[in-house]
Amino acid sequence: MPGMAAHEGHPDRIAENVARQRVLYGAPLGERFAWLTTTLGITQARLAAALGLSQAMVSQLASGRRCKIGDPDVLARLQLLHHRCSGLTRPPVPSTVAELLAEVARTHWCWAAPTAGVPTAGVPVAPVPAPRAAHRPVAGSPAPA
């Protein structure tokens, strides 16, 4: 692939990247992406669009050819999507999936909630996930058993 360093596809480098993803994200991104696409019944391309990544970048992250997500907005979207789907026992209806992906695509990362006197430049703040006990399931999805 033009522009790709010779070592990026090396099996040792891929194993290192996957191990680093486990440290950074709690699991390899390939596992996280596969879980989300299966849970929501979507393609990797649709997941990529909601996260704000190219399909090629999602593929590289999933395979370990790339190690980490450099854009904090993308990471905030991934965390939000994972949080919102964590209580699902089966895929939500397609219209609900579309609404969820649109909500996720609009999410932007912010250090903290706006503080009096500190300009926020009108950037929407990613919602802070509720504690596990107060999980908010995706609207229109079946209630967990």
Protein backbone atom coordinates (compact mmCIF):
# COMPACT_ATOMS: atom_id res chain seq x y z
CA MET A 1 0.00 0.00 0.00
CA PRO A 2 1.56 3.37 -0.96
CA GLY A 3 2.74 5.43 1.98
CA MET A 4 2.44 2.54 4.46
CA ALA A 5 5.56 1.87 6.49
CA ALA A 6 7.02 -1.57 5.83
CA HIS A 7 6.64 -2.61 9.48
CA GLU A 8 2.90 -1.80 9.83
CA GLY A 9 1.77 -5.13 8.40
CA HIS A 10 4.40 -7.20 10.20
CA PRO A 11 2.85 -9.87 12.46
CA ASP A 12 4.90 -8.76 15.49
CA ARG A 13 3.79 -5.16 15.00
CA ILE A 14 0.15 -6.22 14.68
CA ALA A 15 0.38 -8.27 17.88
CA GLU A 16 1.91 -5.25 19.66
CA ASN A 17 -0.86 -2.97 18.37
CA VAL A 18 -3.59 -5.38 19.49
CA ALA A 19 -1.97 -5.69 22.94
CA ARG A 20 -1.77 -1.89 23.17
CA GLN A 21 -5.44 -1.59 22.18
CA ARG A 22 -6.30 -3.95 25.03
CA VAL A 23 -4.52 -1.57 27.43
CA LEU A 24 -6.00 1.59 25.91
CA TYR A 25 -9.57 0.42 25.27
CA GLY A 26 -10.03 -2.64 27.51
CA ALA A 27 -10.28 -4.92 24.46
CA PRO A 28 -8.91 -4.98 20.92
CA LEU A 29 -10.83 -2.61 18.66
CA GLY A 30 -11.60 -5.48 16.30
CA GLU A 31 -13.59 -7.12 19.11
CA ARG A 32 -15.33 -3.85 20.00
CA PHE A 33 -16.25 -3.11 16.38
CA ALA A 34 -17.46 -6.68 15.76
CA TRP A 35 -19.61 -6.58 18.89
CA LEU A 36 -21.20 -3.28 17.85
CA THR A 37 -21.89 -4.31 14.26
CA THR A 38 -23.42 -7.60 15.42
CA THR A 39 -25.44 -6.01 18.23
CA LEU A 40 -26.85 -3.30 15.97
CA GLY A 41 -27.10 -5.42 12.84
CA ILE A 42 -25.05 -2.92 10.80
CA THR A 43 -22.09 -3.06 8.45
CA GLN A 44 -18.60 -1.91 9.29
CA ALA A 45 -19.09 0.89 6.75
CA ARG A 46 -22.15 2.16 8.61
CA LEU A 47 -20.27 2.00 11.92
CA ALA A 48 -17.37 3.92 10.34
CA ALA A 49 -19.72 6.66 9.12
CA ALA A 50 -21.31 7.08 12.56
CA LEU A 51 -17.92 7.24 14.25
CA GLY A 52 -16.52 9.70 11.72
CA LEU A 53 -13.84 7.38 10.36
CA SER A 54 -13.23 6.00 6.90
CA GLN A 55 -14.08 2.36 6.36
CA ALA A 56 -10.39 1.77 5.61
CA MET A 57 -9.36 3.21 8.98
CA VAL A 58 -11.90 1.05 10.82
CA SER A 59 -10.50 -1.97 8.98
CA GLN A 60 -6.93 -1.02 9.90
CA LEU A 61 -7.84 -0.48 13.56
CA ALA A 62 -9.83 -3.74 13.66
CA SER A 63 -6.99 -5.78 12.17
CA GLY A 64 -4.30 -4.20 14.34
CA ARG A 65 -2.49 -2.53 11.44
CA ARG A 66 -3.22 0.73 13.29
CA CYS A 67 -3.03 0.98 17.05
CA LYS A 68 -5.15 3.84 18.31
CA ILE A 69 -7.86 6.35 17.65
CA GLY A 70 -6.26 9.77 17.43
CA ASP A 71 -9.38 11.93 17.31
CA PRO A 72 -11.06 12.49 20.71
CA ASP A 73 -14.44 13.03 18.97
CA VAL A 74 -14.23 9.56 17.42
CA LEU A 75 -13.34 8.01 20.78
CA ALA A 76 -16.26 9.84 22.45
CA ARG A 77 -18.60 8.49 19.76
CA LEU A 78 -17.30 4.95 20.21
CA GLN A 79 -17.70 5.16 23.99
CA LEU A 80 -21.21 6.58 23.71
CA LEU A 81 -22.29 3.92 21.21
CA HIS A 82 -20.83 1.13 23.32
CA HIS A 83 -22.51 2.50 26.45
CA ARG A 84 -25.90 2.90 24.78
CA CYS A 85 -25.77 -0.67 23.42
CA SER A 86 -24.39 -2.42 26.50
CA GLY A 87 -27.81 -3.38 27.89
CA LEU A 88 -29.30 -4.70 24.66
CA THR A 89 -30.12 -8.39 24.45
CA ARG A 90 -31.09 -8.31 20.75
CA PRO A 91 -30.79 -5.78 17.93
CA PRO A 92 -33.12 -2.79 18.16
CA VAL A 93 -35.51 -2.03 15.30
CA PRO A 94 -33.86 -0.46 12.23
CA SER A 95 -35.42 2.99 12.74
CA THR A 96 -34.06 3.08 16.29
CA VAL A 97 -30.61 2.07 15.04
CA ALA A 98 -30.72 4.93 12.51
CA GLU A 99 -31.67 7.41 15.25
CA LEU A 100 -28.93 6.14 17.55
CA LEU A 101 -26.27 6.33 14.83
CA ALA A 102 -27.36 9.87 13.94
CA GLU A 103 -27.14 10.88 17.62
CA VAL A 104 -23.68 9.31 17.90
CA ALA A 105 -22.48 11.06 14.72
CA ARG A 106 -23.40 14.44 16.26
CA THR A 107 -21.42 13.79 19.46
CA HIS A 108 -18.32 15.83 20.22
CA TRP A 109 -15.85 15.31 23.02
CA CYS A 110 -15.35 17.96 25.67
CA TRP A 111 -13.09 18.08 28.73
CA ALA A 112 -15.98 18.90 31.05
CA ALA A 113 -19.44 20.36 31.22
CA PRO A 114 -19.53 24.09 30.39
CA THR A 115 -18.47 26.31 33.28
CA ALA A 116 -19.65 29.87 33.87
CA GLY A 117 -17.32 32.26 32.05
CA VAL A 118 -15.58 29.57 29.99
CA PRO A 119 -16.43 29.76 26.27
CA THR A 120 -17.48 26.47 24.65
CA ALA A 121 -17.69 27.70 21.05
CA GLY A 122 -21.13 26.12 20.73
CA VAL A 123 -19.76 22.58 20.54
CA PRO A 124 -22.24 19.99 21.81
CA VAL A 125 -20.88 18.07 24.78
CA ALA A 126 -20.80 14.27 24.79
CA PRO A 127 -23.17 13.02 27.44
CA VAL A 128 -21.52 11.61 30.52
CA PRO A 129 -22.51 7.95 30.79
CA ALA A 130 -24.81 7.15 33.70
CA PRO A 131 -23.64 4.60 36.25
CA ARG A 132 -24.19 0.97 35.20
CA ALA A 133 -27.15 0.54 37.58
CA ALA A 134 -28.93 3.45 35.89
CA HIS A 135 -28.32 2.22 32.33
CA ARG A 136 -30.54 3.92 29.76
CA PRO A 137 -31.43 1.43 27.00
CA VAL A 138 -31.81 2.53 23.42
CA ALA A 139 -35.32 3.91 22.86
CA GLY A 140 -37.60 1.46 21.09
CA SER A 141 -35.46 -1.55 21.91
CA PRO A 142 -36.75 -4.48 23.87
CA ALA A 143 -36.18 -4.31 27.61
CA PRO A 144 -33.38 -6.54 28.91
CA ALA A 145 -34.61 -9.80 30.38
